Protein backbone atom coordinates (compact mmCIF):
# COMPACT_ATOMS: atom_id res chain seq x y z
CA MET A 1 3.49 -19.01 9.35
CA LYS A 2 3.86 -19.89 13.04
CA LYS A 3 6.63 -22.38 12.25
CA THR A 4 8.63 -19.76 10.31
CA TYR A 5 8.21 -17.28 13.17
CA LYS A 6 9.47 -19.86 15.67
CA LYS A 7 12.56 -20.55 13.54
CA LYS A 8 13.33 -16.84 13.30
CA LYS A 9 12.82 -16.42 17.05
CA ASN A 10 15.20 -19.31 17.84
CA ALA A 11 17.77 -17.97 15.36
CA LYS A 12 17.59 -14.58 17.07
CA LYS A 13 18.20 -16.20 20.47
CA ILE A 14 21.18 -18.16 19.15
CA THR A 15 22.67 -15.04 17.53
CA GLU A 16 22.31 -13.05 20.75
CA THR A 17 23.97 -15.86 22.75
CA ILE A 18 26.87 -15.93 20.29
CA ARG A 19 27.25 -12.16 20.53
CA ARG A 20 27.09 -12.25 24.33
CA ASN A 21 29.76 -14.94 24.50
CA ARG A 22 31.89 -13.01 22.02
CA ARG A 23 31.59 -9.83 24.11
CA ARG A 24 32.58 -11.78 27.22
CA ARG A 25 35.63 -13.22 25.46
CA MET A 26 36.59 -9.77 24.21
CA ARG A 27 36.35 -8.37 27.72
CA GLN A 28 38.55 -11.19 28.98
CA MET A 29 41.12 -10.63 26.24
CA LYS A 30 41.17 -6.85 26.64
CA GLY A 31 44.68 -5.84 27.64
CA GLY A 32 45.61 -9.53 27.97
CA ALA A 33 43.46 -9.82 31.10
CA ARG A 34 41.62 -13.07 31.74
CA ASN A 35 39.84 -14.97 34.46
CA LEU A 36 42.19 -17.18 36.50
CA GLY A 37 39.51 -19.54 37.72
CA ASP A 38 41.53 -22.52 36.48
CA VAL A 39 44.51 -21.64 38.70
CA PRO A 40 44.70 -23.59 42.01
CA PHE A 41 43.74 -21.13 44.74
CA GLY A 42 44.11 -23.26 47.86
CA ILE A 43 41.71 -22.83 50.77
CA ILE A 44 38.87 -20.41 50.04
CA THR A 45 38.95 -17.40 52.35
CA HIS A 46 37.20 -14.03 52.49
CA GLN A 47 39.58 -12.77 49.78
CA THR A 48 39.20 -13.35 46.05
CA MET A 49 42.11 -13.73 43.65
CA GLY A 50 41.69 -10.05 42.83
CA ASP A 51 41.85 -9.14 46.52
CA CYS A 52 45.10 -11.08 46.96
CA ILE A 53 46.78 -9.42 43.98
CA LYS A 54 45.58 -6.01 45.15
CA GLU A 55 47.04 -6.64 48.60
CA LEU A 56 50.34 -7.75 47.09
CA ILE A 57 50.65 -4.83 44.65
CA GLU A 58 49.89 -2.18 47.26
CA ALA A 59 52.23 -3.67 49.86
CA SER A 60 55.07 -4.18 47.36
CA PHE A 61 54.81 -0.59 46.14
CA SER A 62 54.80 0.73 49.71
CA ILE A 63 57.89 -1.29 50.68
CA TYR A 64 59.87 -0.30 47.61
CA GLU A 65 58.86 3.37 47.73
CA LYS A 66 59.98 3.65 51.39
CA LEU A 67 63.37 2.18 50.51
CA LEU A 68 63.75 4.60 47.58
CA ILE A 69 62.98 7.56 49.83
CA LYS A 70 65.96 6.66 52.04
CA GLY A 71 68.16 7.88 49.18
CA VAL A 72 71.00 5.40 49.82
CA PRO A 73 72.08 2.44 47.65
CA ILE A 74 70.24 -0.67 48.83
CA THR A 75 70.05 -4.26 47.65
CA ILE A 76 66.82 -6.16 48.23
CA VAL A 77 67.50 -9.88 48.57
CA CYS A 78 64.70 -12.16 47.42
CA GLY A 79 65.66 -15.37 49.16
CA GLY A 80 63.00 -17.83 48.08
CA GLN A 81 59.41 -18.48 47.06
CA SER A 82 57.74 -16.49 49.89
CA PRO A 83 58.95 -13.03 48.75
CA SER A 84 59.22 -13.83 45.04
CA TYR A 85 55.86 -12.47 43.85
CA TYR A 86 56.39 -9.27 45.86
CA CYS A 87 59.83 -8.78 44.28
CA LEU A 88 58.35 -9.47 40.83
CA ALA A 89 55.86 -6.64 41.35
CA MET A 90 58.59 -4.25 42.51
CA MET A 91 60.70 -4.94 39.42
CA ASN A 92 57.79 -3.95 37.18
CA PHE A 93 56.76 -0.69 38.83
CA LYS A 94 57.61 2.49 36.96
CA ILE A 95 59.47 3.70 40.05
CA TYR A 96 61.83 0.70 39.96
CA ASN A 97 65.32 2.19 39.98
CA PRO A 98 68.02 -0.50 40.25
CA ASP A 99 70.73 2.17 40.31
CA LEU A 100 69.45 3.10 43.77
CA VAL A 101 67.52 0.05 45.03
CA ASN A 102 68.19 -3.15 43.11
CA ILE A 103 66.82 -6.65 43.62
CA VAL A 104 68.79 -9.90 43.51
CA ILE A 105 67.27 -13.37 43.60
CA LEU A 106 69.24 -15.63 45.91
CA PRO A 107 67.49 -18.95 46.55
CA HIS A 108 68.41 -20.30 49.98
CA SER A 109 66.18 -23.04 51.37
CA LYS A 110 66.35 -24.37 54.92
CA GLY A 111 62.95 -25.94 55.54
CA GLY A 112 63.13 -24.95 59.19
CA LYS A 113 66.24 -27.10 59.84
CA ARG A 114 69.21 -25.57 61.61
CA ALA A 115 72.69 -26.13 60.21
CA GLU A 116 75.01 -28.67 61.80
CA ASN A 117 77.93 -26.61 60.52
CA GLN A 118 76.87 -23.06 59.62
CA VAL A 119 80.39 -21.98 58.62
CA ALA A 120 80.68 -24.84 56.12
CA GLU A 121 77.27 -23.96 54.64
CA ASN A 122 78.21 -20.28 54.39
CA THR A 123 81.50 -21.12 52.68
CA ALA A 124 79.81 -23.35 50.07
CA TYR A 125 77.06 -20.78 49.40
CA CYS A 126 79.57 -17.94 49.12
CA LYS A 127 81.50 -19.95 46.56
CA GLN A 128 78.40 -20.08 44.34
CA LEU A 129 77.87 -16.32 44.75
CA ARG A 130 81.42 -15.67 43.65
CA LYS A 131 81.06 -17.99 40.64
CA LYS A 132 77.95 -16.08 39.53
CA GLY A 133 79.70 -12.74 40.07
CA ILE A 134 76.92 -11.65 42.41
CA ASP A 135 77.57 -8.67 44.64
CA VAL A 136 75.39 -6.76 47.07
CA ARG A 137 75.51 -3.25 48.45
CA PRO A 138 76.53 -2.44 52.04
CA ASN A 139 72.85 -1.88 52.87
CA VAL A 140 70.85 -5.07 52.39
CA VAL A 141 67.14 -5.70 52.95
CA ILE A 142 66.00 -9.32 53.17
CA ILE A 143 62.28 -9.84 52.57
CA ASP A 144 60.80 -13.18 53.54
CA GLY A 145 57.99 -14.98 55.27
CA VAL A 146 59.34 -15.52 58.79
CA HIS A 147 58.22 -18.29 61.13
CA SER A 148 60.96 -20.10 63.05
CA GLY A 149 63.43 -17.64 61.55
CA THR A 150 65.86 -20.40 60.58
CA GLY A 151 65.80 -19.50 56.88
CA ILE A 152 66.23 -15.73 57.11
CA LEU A 153 68.91 -16.05 59.81
CA ALA A 154 70.85 -18.58 57.72
CA LEU A 155 70.69 -16.31 54.66
CA GLU A 156 71.77 -13.35 56.77
CA SER A 157 74.70 -15.39 58.11
CA ALA A 158 75.74 -16.44 54.59
CA LEU A 159 75.70 -12.86 53.31
CA GLN A 160 77.67 -11.61 56.32
CA HIS A 161 80.20 -14.39 55.79
CA CYS A 162 80.63 -13.63 52.11
CA PHE A 163 80.51 -9.83 52.06
CA HIS A 164 81.68 -9.14 55.63
CA ILE A 165 80.63 -5.55 56.42
CA LEU A 166 76.90 -5.33 55.83
CA THR A 167 73.95 -3.56 57.41
CA ILE A 168 71.11 -6.05 57.07
CA THR A 169 67.44 -5.19 57.61
CA LYS A 170 64.97 -8.06 57.95
CA ILE A 171 61.38 -7.49 56.77
CA ALA A 172 58.90 -10.26 57.59
CA ILE A 173 55.77 -10.73 55.50
CA ASN A 174 53.36 -12.87 57.50
CA ALA A 175 49.65 -13.65 57.46
CA ARG A 176 49.12 -12.64 61.09
CA HIS A 177 50.90 -11.14 64.08
CA GLY A 178 52.89 -13.38 66.35
CA VAL A 179 54.02 -15.84 63.67
CA SER A 180 57.65 -14.76 63.72
CA GLU A 181 59.60 -16.46 66.49
CA ILE A 182 62.58 -14.11 66.08
CA PRO A 183 62.94 -10.32 66.28
CA VAL A 184 62.69 -8.60 62.89
CA ASP A 185 63.09 -4.96 61.88
CA GLU A 186 59.60 -4.78 60.39
CA GLU A 187 56.65 -7.14 60.21
CA ILE A 188 54.03 -6.61 57.50
CA ILE A 189 50.74 -8.47 57.87
CA LEU A 190 49.26 -9.64 54.56
CA GLN A 191 46.54 -12.27 54.84
CA CYS A 192 47.15 -13.72 51.36
CA GLU A 193 50.86 -14.36 52.00
CA PRO A 194 50.42 -18.16 52.39
CA LYS A 195 48.92 -18.40 48.91
CA PHE A 196 51.97 -16.80 47.29
CA SER A 197 54.39 -18.90 49.33
CA ASP A 198 52.56 -22.24 49.33
CA ASP A 199 49.71 -22.44 46.78
CA PHE A 200 50.71 -20.50 43.66
CA PRO A 201 53.33 -21.75 41.15
CA ARG A 202 56.97 -21.31 42.13
CA LEU A 203 58.88 -18.33 40.79
CA VAL A 204 62.14 -19.20 42.55
CA THR A 205 63.70 -22.65 42.67
CA SER A 206 64.50 -24.36 45.95
CA TYR A 207 68.20 -24.47 46.80
CA HIS A 208 69.02 -26.59 49.84
CA PRO A 209 72.38 -26.85 51.63
CA LYS A 210 72.88 -30.38 50.28
CA ASP A 211 72.97 -28.81 46.80
CA PHE A 212 75.26 -25.88 47.60
CA HIS A 213 78.07 -27.63 45.72
CA ASP A 214 75.91 -27.90 42.56
CA GLU A 215 76.19 -24.75 40.45
CA SER A 216 73.46 -25.88 38.02
CA LYS A 217 70.82 -25.75 40.75
CA PHE A 218 71.71 -22.23 41.83
CA ILE A 219 69.22 -20.34 39.61
CA THR A 220 69.21 -16.63 40.33
CA GLU A 221 66.30 -15.56 38.12
CA PHE A 222 62.56 -16.05 38.07
CA ILE A 223 61.30 -19.28 36.49
CA GLY A 224 58.17 -20.07 34.50
CA LEU A 225 56.98 -16.49 34.02
CA SER A 226 55.55 -17.06 30.54
CA ASP A 227 53.43 -20.01 31.73
CA ASN A 228 52.32 -18.41 34.98
CA PRO A 229 49.07 -16.41 34.64
CA ILE A 230 49.36 -15.06 38.19
CA ALA A 231 52.80 -13.65 37.37
CA GLN A 232 51.39 -12.16 34.15
CA MET A 233 48.56 -10.52 36.09
CA ILE A 234 51.00 -9.02 38.60
CA ILE A 235 53.35 -7.75 35.89
CA GLU A 236 50.57 -6.09 33.89
CA ILE A 237 48.97 -4.42 36.90
CA ALA A 238 52.33 -3.30 38.33
CA LYS A 239 53.28 -1.57 35.08
CA SER A 240 50.44 0.93 35.42
CA TYR A 241 50.27 1.20 39.21
CA PRO A 242 49.63 3.56 40.99
CA GLU A 243 48.33 5.66 38.08
CA ILE A 244 45.64 3.02 37.58
CA ARG A 245 44.26 1.52 40.77
CA VAL A 246 44.29 -2.25 40.99
CA GLU A 247 40.50 -2.44 41.37
CA ASP A 248 40.06 -0.42 38.15
CA THR A 249 41.94 -2.94 35.99
CA ASP A 250 40.27 -5.60 33.86
CA TRP A 251 42.45 -8.20 35.58
CA PHE A 252 40.92 -7.37 38.96
CA LYS A 253 37.35 -7.20 37.67
CA LEU A 254 37.66 -10.60 35.99
CA ASN A 255 39.07 -12.19 39.15
CA ASN A 256 36.88 -10.71 41.84
CA GLU A 257 33.87 -13.01 41.84
CA ILE A 258 32.07 -12.87 45.19
CA THR A 259 30.65 -16.38 45.56
CA ASP A 260 28.30 -17.40 48.36
CA LEU A 261 31.23 -19.10 50.10
CA VAL A 262 33.41 -15.99 49.86
CA ARG A 263 30.49 -13.90 51.11
CA SER A 264 30.02 -16.15 54.14
CA LYS A 265 33.77 -16.08 54.81
CA ARG A 266 33.64 -12.29 54.72
CA GLU A 267 30.92 -12.31 57.36
CA GLU A 268 33.08 -14.60 59.49
CA GLU A 269 36.06 -12.31 58.98
CA LYS A 270 33.95 -9.29 59.91
CA ILE A 271 32.92 -10.98 63.17
CA ARG A 272 36.52 -12.01 63.84
CA LYS A 273 37.76 -8.44 63.39
CA LEU A 274 35.01 -7.11 65.66
CA GLU A 275 36.01 -9.61 68.34
CA ILE A 276 39.66 -8.59 67.99
CA ALA A 277 38.71 -4.92 68.17
CA GLU A 278 36.66 -5.58 71.33
CA ALA A 279 39.54 -7.52 72.88
CA ILE A 280 41.96 -4.68 72.09
CA LYS A 281 39.48 -2.15 73.49
CA LEU A 282 39.16 -4.17 76.69
CA GLN A 283 42.93 -4.47 76.98
CA HIS A 284 43.32 -0.71 76.56
CA LYS A 285 40.66 -0.16 79.23
CA ILE A 286 42.47 -2.46 81.66
CA GLN A 287 45.78 -0.74 80.96
CA TYR A 288 44.19 2.70 81.39
CA GLU A 289 42.57 1.73 84.69
CA LYS A 290 45.86 0.27 85.90
CA LYS A 291 47.68 3.46 84.96
CA CYS A 292 45.07 5.61 86.74
CA LYS A 293 45.33 3.45 89.85
CA GLU A 294 49.13 3.72 89.85
CA GLU A 295 48.97 7.50 89.38
CA LYS A 296 46.47 7.78 92.24
CA MET A 297 48.72 5.71 94.50
CA ASN A 298 51.72 7.84 93.54
CA ARG A 299 49.81 11.02 94.38
CA GLU A 300 48.72 9.61 97.72
CA GLU A 301 52.26 8.51 98.41
CA GLU A 302 53.52 12.00 97.62
CA VAL A 303 50.94 13.50 99.99
CA ARG A 304 52.08 11.14 102.77
CA LYS A 305 55.68 12.05 102.08
CA MET A 306 55.00 15.79 102.27
CA SER A 307 52.85 15.52 105.40
CA ALA A 308 55.49 13.40 107.15
CA MET A 309 58.32 15.88 106.62
CA GLY A 310 59.88 16.89 109.96
CA GLN A 311 57.86 14.30 111.87
CA SER A 312 59.14 11.30 113.78
CA TYR A 313 57.81 8.14 115.37
CA GLU A 314 58.98 5.90 118.18
CA PRO A 315 59.76 2.36 117.01
CA ILE A 316 59.32 -0.69 119.19
CA VAL A 317 62.68 -1.88 120.47
CA LEU A 318 63.25 -5.61 120.28
CA THR A 319 66.04 -7.43 122.06
CA ASP A 320 68.30 -10.45 121.53
CA PRO A 321 69.54 -9.02 119.25
CA LYS A 322 68.52 -5.40 119.39
CA ARG A 323 66.24 -4.46 116.50
CA TYR A 324 63.48 -1.98 115.72
CA GLN A 325 59.87 -2.59 114.69
CA CYS A 326 57.37 -0.17 113.17
CA PRO A 327 54.28 0.01 115.43
CA ILE A 328 51.99 0.39 112.37
CA CYS A 329 53.18 -1.98 109.61
CA SER A 330 55.13 -4.27 111.99
CA ASN A 331 58.18 -4.43 109.71
CA ILE A 332 61.43 -5.14 111.57
CA SER A 333 64.81 -3.56 110.86
CA GLY A 334 68.27 -4.94 111.22
CA THR A 335 70.49 -3.73 114.05
CA ALA A 336 70.54 -0.19 112.55
CA LEU A 337 67.73 2.21 113.22
CA GLN A 338 66.39 1.97 109.67
CA VAL A 339 63.03 0.31 109.08
CA ILE A 340 61.76 -0.48 105.57
CA HIS A 341 58.01 0.11 105.71
CA ASN A 342 55.13 -1.36 103.73
CA LEU A 343 53.60 0.73 100.98
CA GLY A 344 50.97 2.99 102.54
CA CYS A 345 52.44 2.92 106.05
CA THR A 346 52.05 6.38 107.59
CA ASN A 347 55.46 6.06 109.26
CA LYS A 348 57.22 5.48 105.94
CA TYR A 349 58.58 9.01 105.58
CA LYS A 350 58.89 9.79 109.29
CA THR A 351 62.18 9.66 111.11
CA PRO A 352 62.47 6.84 113.67
CA LYS A 353 63.65 8.05 117.09
CA GLU A 354 64.41 5.66 119.91
CA SER A 355 63.01 6.62 123.29
CA THR A 356 65.64 7.86 125.72
CA GLU A 357 63.62 6.84 128.74
């Protein structure tokens, strides 16, 4: 009797385990969403995979929406791997309107190396654009991760060379402030940017100047989308955003595991942000105190100026050659009776008058 009961109890446990695993698989398959734990994630930070996708979706929507609001025809140029996932999201939003703001994929890889002959590079690249029948609108926005600036400046130069009259806006997407070594029109700080540019699978092929003569390597469309689960996650979330928040999707929930390491990294990040906030607060205090000091000095200077009106002083007369010296601040003039006084000298606004005796 006891043996039969034990068998039934074990069978019940096995059945419940099977059902639990089945429910988990169903949750993962719901809407095509799944856990991307098998995808290389690079260095673990305070952000989960879900956090990174959320950051990307929200930033991409904000960038594209602002460009739409301008109400003028614009071409967004996706010039390489760094901006590719952001452009992919934009192209899958419901607000995507290529008649007003379109996106073209123009791989242009420099690897931080400056051109020996920029004109020759531009000519070769333009030739490939012409072969592909690619055109851009007079208003162009280049989105890229910007460090030395070599890549985005070279792409800008190539587009100017090929299409001549263009208004080009450069938007830098970087992980932190101060990375860009060149001036840009806008810098957007997204901490997961390095993962999309360096760790996750490529969406845009590299196209280096040495290959600008090779038409077969100039691929102006996304690659590997069907085999790229990160791209699939972005596409699916973008389709329903912003009606459905990123954090409310199954994709996010399945890829937002807070491990002990992530939790400790979040504590470190919290401390780092507090330190930055304190440093900024201190800087503001220093600037405020400096401003107050300058305003006080200006007020005092104005009082001295007003009180000195109509008054004069007798300078010390020096000889060989004849010059004049203020008896208070000791500054000496040239041969003319004009003394430049130190700040705060009470004779500063008085008129010098040489003694007639």
